[in-house]
Structure formats: structure tokens, C-alpha cells
Amino acid sequence: MTKSRWSDLRVRVASALVLVPLALLGLWLGGVVWDLMVLAFIVGLAREWLTLTWGRRHEMPRLAWFGVIYVLLPGVALLWLRARRPFGLDDSFFLLIVIWSTDIGAYLVGRFVGGRRLAPSISPGKTWSGALGGLLCGILAGMILAAWVGPAGVGGYVGAAWAGFWLSVVAQIGDLFESWIKRRLGVKDSGQTIPGHGGLFDRLDGLLAAAPVAALIALFAQIGMPLWL
């Protein structure tokens, strides 16, 4: 890994050491604290979206409606998932841990292993090895969390692996989709809100895609059980 890449990794880690505990604290407290945190992210994302699309007057109506869906739907999903009883905390943590593990696995495996590009015309830095590494890390993280929440037999591990698989895949698709949007809008980053990560869209792209899917999985889960059962 080159010196510049090590520097980039250090900045990313430093940012994560601040943001991850804050997110987990808000998630743990739930209630108004979590609601306000999600609302703050929605406002921040809406601001970034307006900044990115401002000046494209011929596309503004279409972009505005897309922005509303792109920002509000995941926000509503996150609020509903946390409020789901009695496993709202576990469901939300499952979603976050799978997304974070996917992101970390894809980044590290892609950096150290490299190989064939996943979508060079959209995001030249992403590789098939990174995508596979992220997928495996996401699945493994989901299974570990399922074991930590409580014994559920083989079905619990299979369900966690299955849910982790889909959330990881959708998160990586969301990452690529956000890269495609930035290319179409002609920008490198969605903003400079988070050091080492760019804007909120750059950091939350996978979560924006996966949160509605997690809510959908939970909606069809057994009543009174975690989303992976």
C-alpha cells in the first residue's frame, strides 16, 4: 500500500473512531435521541443533494422528486426499524454491523488484493475481490451477531447469513449507484462533511440502499422475532 493510501486509511479510521461510537450511542438510547439523529442526517443529506443538483434547472423537478425518495425512504425505514418491538435495537444493530463490515471488508480486501475492476466506467477503484471480501465480511458479521443475540439453532444462522447476504449486496449496489450519480453530476465527492470520507452521501450510500430492504425483511419476519428469523 502506498504512502498516500496509508494516509487516507488513517484519516478514515480517525473519523470512524469518532462517528461510530456516536451512532451506536444514539442507537442504544433510541427514542427521541435516535429520532433527532436520523432527522439531522436527513437534513444534512437534503442539503448535500441541493448543493449537488443546484443549477440543473432543466432537470430540477425530476431531481427534486428523486432526492425526496432517496433521502426520506431510508430515514423512515431507520426510524421504523428502531421502533420495532421487541427487537428494534437488535434489528438496527444488525443492519449497521453488516453495512460497516461490508464496507471495511471491501475496502481492505480491495486495497491489499486488488485484481479485476468491478465497474471501471462507474467507480475505477472498486474490484471484484473487494466486493467478494465485503460480501463475506457482511455475512460473517450477521451470523456473529445472531449468535450474540441468542441461540436460535441452524435456522438462526442460515437466516442471518441470508439477510446479511442481501443487505451486503444491496449496500454495494447502493455504493455503485451513488458513484454513478456523482459521475453524472460531474463531482468527485458529495461534500466535505466527514474527513477522509467526503460528504454524507459518500459515507451513507450503502445504508441508504440497505435500510429500506432491512425494513422490508423485518416486515415479513416472524412476529416478535429478529429480522433474520
Protein backbone atom coordinates (compact mmCIF):
# COMPACT_ATOMS: atom_id res chain seq x y z
CA MET A 1 0.00 0.00 0.00
CA THR A 2 1.41 3.40 -0.98
CA LYS A 3 2.11 6.22 1.46
CA SER A 4 -0.89 8.22 0.23
CA ARG A 5 -3.17 5.22 0.73
CA TRP A 6 -1.89 4.71 4.28
CA SER A 7 -2.56 8.40 4.96
CA ASP A 8 -6.07 8.05 3.56
CA LEU A 9 -6.66 4.98 5.71
CA ARG A 10 -5.51 6.80 8.86
CA VAL A 11 -7.92 9.66 8.22
CA ARG A 12 -10.75 7.19 7.60
CA VAL A 13 -10.00 5.33 10.83
CA ALA A 14 -9.81 8.55 12.85
CA SER A 15 -13.19 9.68 11.51
CA ALA A 16 -14.72 6.26 12.19
CA LEU A 17 -13.44 6.29 15.79
CA VAL A 18 -15.49 9.43 16.39
CA LEU A 19 -18.60 8.73 14.32
CA VAL A 20 -19.19 5.05 15.06
CA PRO A 21 -19.43 5.45 18.88
CA LEU A 22 -21.80 8.40 18.41
CA ALA A 23 -24.02 6.36 16.08
CA LEU A 24 -24.03 3.39 18.45
CA LEU A 25 -24.81 5.61 21.44
CA GLY A 26 -27.76 7.17 19.63
CA LEU A 27 -28.95 3.73 18.55
CA TRP A 28 -28.65 2.35 22.07
CA LEU A 29 -30.56 5.25 23.64
CA GLY A 30 -33.23 5.15 20.95
CA GLY A 31 -36.35 7.24 21.36
CA VAL A 32 -36.02 10.97 20.79
CA VAL A 33 -32.21 10.79 20.64
CA TRP A 34 -32.22 8.36 17.71
CA ASP A 35 -35.09 10.20 16.03
CA LEU A 36 -33.21 13.51 16.20
CA MET A 37 -30.00 11.88 14.96
CA VAL A 38 -31.77 10.39 11.94
CA LEU A 39 -33.52 13.71 11.31
CA ALA A 40 -30.17 15.51 11.39
CA PHE A 41 -28.79 13.10 8.79
CA ILE A 42 -31.88 13.60 6.62
CA VAL A 43 -31.42 17.38 6.76
CA GLY A 44 -27.70 17.04 6.01
CA LEU A 45 -28.34 14.71 3.08
CA ALA A 46 -31.04 17.01 1.70
CA ARG A 47 -28.62 19.93 1.90
CA GLU A 48 -25.93 17.98 0.05
CA TRP A 49 -28.43 16.91 -2.60
CA LEU A 50 -29.49 20.51 -3.20
CA THR A 51 -25.84 21.57 -3.44
CA LEU A 52 -25.08 18.81 -5.95
CA THR A 53 -28.10 19.45 -8.17
CA TRP A 54 -28.38 23.23 -7.91
CA GLY A 55 -28.09 24.90 -11.29
CA ARG A 56 -29.51 21.99 -13.28
CA ARG A 57 -32.76 23.84 -13.81
CA HIS A 58 -33.94 21.71 -16.74
CA GLU A 59 -33.70 18.62 -14.53
CA MET A 60 -34.75 20.14 -11.19
CA PRO A 61 -38.32 18.73 -10.95
CA ARG A 62 -37.14 15.19 -11.64
CA LEU A 63 -34.06 15.53 -9.43
CA ALA A 64 -36.11 17.04 -6.62
CA TRP A 65 -38.57 14.14 -6.54
CA PHE A 66 -35.77 11.61 -6.75
CA GLY A 67 -33.96 13.37 -3.90
CA VAL A 68 -37.05 13.20 -1.71
CA ILE A 69 -37.34 9.43 -2.22
CA TYR A 70 -33.58 8.85 -1.98
CA VAL A 71 -33.34 10.65 1.37
CA LEU A 72 -36.70 10.19 3.08
CA LEU A 73 -37.35 6.50 2.40
CA PRO A 74 -34.19 5.29 4.18
CA GLY A 75 -34.83 7.74 7.02
CA VAL A 76 -38.34 6.41 7.57
CA ALA A 77 -37.01 2.85 7.38
CA LEU A 78 -34.38 3.55 10.06
CA LEU A 79 -36.95 5.14 12.38
CA TRP A 80 -39.44 2.29 11.90
CA LEU A 81 -36.80 -0.41 12.33
CA ARG A 82 -35.53 1.02 15.64
CA ALA A 83 -39.08 1.41 16.96
CA ARG A 84 -39.99 -2.20 16.10
CA ARG A 85 -40.69 -4.21 19.25
CA PRO A 86 -39.16 -6.08 20.90
CA PHE A 87 -36.08 -6.42 18.65
CA GLY A 88 -35.75 -2.90 17.22
CA LEU A 89 -32.31 -2.40 18.74
CA ASP A 90 -31.06 -5.79 17.53
CA ASP A 91 -32.51 -5.30 14.05
CA SER A 92 -30.95 -1.85 13.69
CA PHE A 93 -27.60 -3.03 15.01
CA PHE A 94 -27.72 -5.99 12.62
CA LEU A 95 -28.21 -3.59 9.71
CA LEU A 96 -25.37 -1.29 10.79
CA ILE A 97 -22.89 -4.05 11.59
CA VAL A 98 -23.49 -5.76 8.24
CA ILE A 99 -23.08 -2.47 6.35
CA TRP A 100 -19.95 -1.46 8.25
CA SER A 101 -18.40 -4.92 7.90
CA THR A 102 -19.16 -4.92 4.19
CA ASP A 103 -17.57 -1.51 3.78
CA ILE A 104 -14.46 -2.39 5.78
CA GLY A 105 -14.04 -5.78 4.11
CA ALA A 106 -14.46 -4.36 0.62
CA TYR A 107 -12.01 -1.53 1.32
CA LEU A 108 -9.26 -3.66 2.87
CA VAL A 109 -9.52 -6.64 0.51
CA GLY A 110 -9.75 -4.34 -2.50
CA ARG A 111 -6.69 -2.39 -1.37
CA PHE A 112 -4.49 -5.34 -0.47
CA VAL A 113 -5.61 -7.91 -3.05
CA GLY A 114 -6.70 -5.72 -5.96
CA GLY A 115 -7.44 -7.50 -9.20
CA ARG A 116 -10.09 -7.08 -11.86
CA ARG A 117 -12.14 -3.90 -11.73
CA LEU A 118 -15.80 -4.27 -10.77
CA ALA A 119 -17.24 -1.35 -12.72
CA PRO A 120 -14.39 0.73 -14.19
CA SER A 121 -16.69 3.14 -16.02
CA ILE A 122 -18.52 3.99 -12.78
CA SER A 123 -16.03 3.52 -9.95
CA PRO A 124 -12.50 2.60 -11.09
CA GLY A 125 -11.28 1.93 -7.56
CA LYS A 126 -13.66 -0.95 -6.84
CA THR A 127 -12.63 -4.53 -7.57
CA TRP A 128 -14.31 -7.91 -7.70
CA SER A 129 -12.06 -9.11 -4.88
CA GLY A 130 -13.17 -6.17 -2.74
CA ALA A 131 -16.84 -6.84 -3.50
CA LEU A 132 -16.46 -10.52 -2.57
CA GLY A 133 -14.47 -9.65 0.56
CA GLY A 134 -17.13 -7.18 1.61
CA LEU A 135 -19.89 -9.73 0.99
CA LEU A 136 -18.19 -12.41 3.07
CA CYS A 137 -17.47 -9.97 5.90
CA GLY A 138 -21.08 -8.80 5.89
CA ILE A 139 -22.43 -12.36 6.05
CA LEU A 140 -19.99 -13.35 8.80
CA ALA A 141 -20.83 -10.26 10.85
CA GLY A 142 -24.54 -11.04 10.61
CA MET A 143 -24.00 -14.62 11.78
CA ILE A 144 -21.82 -13.49 14.70
CA LEU A 145 -24.46 -11.00 15.80
CA ALA A 146 -27.15 -13.69 15.58
CA ALA A 147 -25.07 -15.89 17.88
CA TRP A 148 -24.54 -12.99 20.28
CA VAL A 149 -28.25 -12.12 20.49
CA GLY A 150 -29.09 -15.67 21.47
CA PRO A 151 -29.07 -19.29 20.33
CA ALA A 152 -31.53 -19.90 17.52
CA GLY A 153 -30.20 -23.14 16.07
CA VAL A 154 -29.19 -23.76 12.48
CA GLY A 155 -32.19 -21.80 11.21
CA GLY A 156 -30.99 -18.69 13.00
CA TYR A 157 -27.54 -18.84 11.41
CA VAL A 158 -28.96 -19.57 7.98
CA GLY A 159 -31.41 -16.69 8.33
CA ALA A 160 -28.68 -14.33 9.49
CA ALA A 161 -26.44 -15.37 6.59
CA TRP A 162 -29.29 -14.92 4.12
CA ALA A 163 -30.25 -11.49 5.48
CA GLY A 164 -26.59 -10.47 5.65
CA PHE A 165 -26.09 -11.57 2.05
CA TRP A 166 -28.92 -9.41 0.71
CA LEU A 167 -28.08 -6.38 2.84
CA SER A 168 -24.43 -6.59 1.79
CA VAL A 169 -25.28 -6.95 -1.90
CA VAL A 170 -27.78 -4.09 -1.83
CA ALA A 171 -25.34 -1.89 0.10
CA GLN A 172 -22.66 -2.41 -2.54
CA ILE A 173 -25.17 -1.69 -5.30
CA GLY A 174 -26.06 1.50 -3.45
CA ASP A 175 -22.38 2.42 -3.32
CA LEU A 176 -22.06 1.95 -7.08
CA PHE A 177 -25.28 3.85 -7.68
CA GLU A 178 -24.01 6.81 -5.69
CA SER A 179 -20.76 6.73 -7.68
CA TRP A 180 -22.82 6.76 -10.89
CA ILE A 181 -24.78 9.77 -9.67
CA LYS A 182 -21.58 11.67 -8.87
CA ARG A 183 -20.15 10.89 -12.30
CA ARG A 184 -23.32 12.10 -13.96
CA LEU A 185 -23.24 15.30 -11.90
CA GLY A 186 -19.51 15.73 -12.55
CA VAL A 187 -18.28 15.72 -8.93
CA LYS A 188 -15.71 13.62 -7.08
CA ASP A 189 -17.29 13.75 -3.62
CA SER A 190 -20.77 14.70 -2.47
CA GLY A 191 -19.24 17.11 0.04
CA GLN A 192 -16.53 17.55 2.68
CA THR A 193 -18.57 16.90 5.80
CA ILE A 194 -16.58 13.88 7.01
CA PRO A 195 -12.73 13.95 6.84
CA GLY A 196 -11.40 11.08 4.75
CA HIS A 197 -14.86 10.13 3.52
CA GLY A 198 -16.21 13.20 1.72
CA GLY A 199 -19.86 14.01 2.24
CA LEU A 200 -22.71 12.24 3.98
CA PHE A 201 -23.76 10.54 0.74
CA ASP A 202 -20.22 9.16 0.37
CA ARG A 203 -20.39 7.64 3.84
CA LEU A 204 -24.04 6.57 3.93
CA ASP A 205 -24.56 5.35 0.36
CA GLY A 206 -24.75 1.69 1.35
CA LEU A 207 -27.02 2.41 4.30
CA LEU A 208 -29.39 4.47 2.16
CA ALA A 209 -29.90 1.49 -0.13
CA ALA A 210 -29.96 -1.23 2.52
CA ALA A 211 -32.18 0.40 5.18
CA PRO A 212 -35.44 0.02 3.20
CA VAL A 213 -34.50 -3.59 2.39
CA ALA A 214 -33.85 -4.31 6.09
CA ALA A 215 -37.24 -2.82 6.95
CA LEU A 216 -38.87 -4.98 4.27
CA ILE A 217 -37.19 -8.12 5.61
CA ALA A 218 -38.29 -7.23 9.15
CA LEU A 219 -41.83 -6.62 7.92
CA PHE A 220 -42.07 -10.24 6.77
CA ALA A 221 -40.17 -11.71 9.72
CA GLN A 222 -41.92 -13.78 12.35
CA ILE A 223 -43.87 -11.64 14.81
CA GLY A 224 -41.85 -10.94 17.93
CA MET A 225 -38.62 -12.21 16.37
CA PRO A 226 -35.47 -10.53 14.95
CA LEU A 227 -35.49 -9.70 11.25
CA TRP A 228 -33.25 -12.65 10.39
CA LEU A 229 -35.75 -15.20 11.73
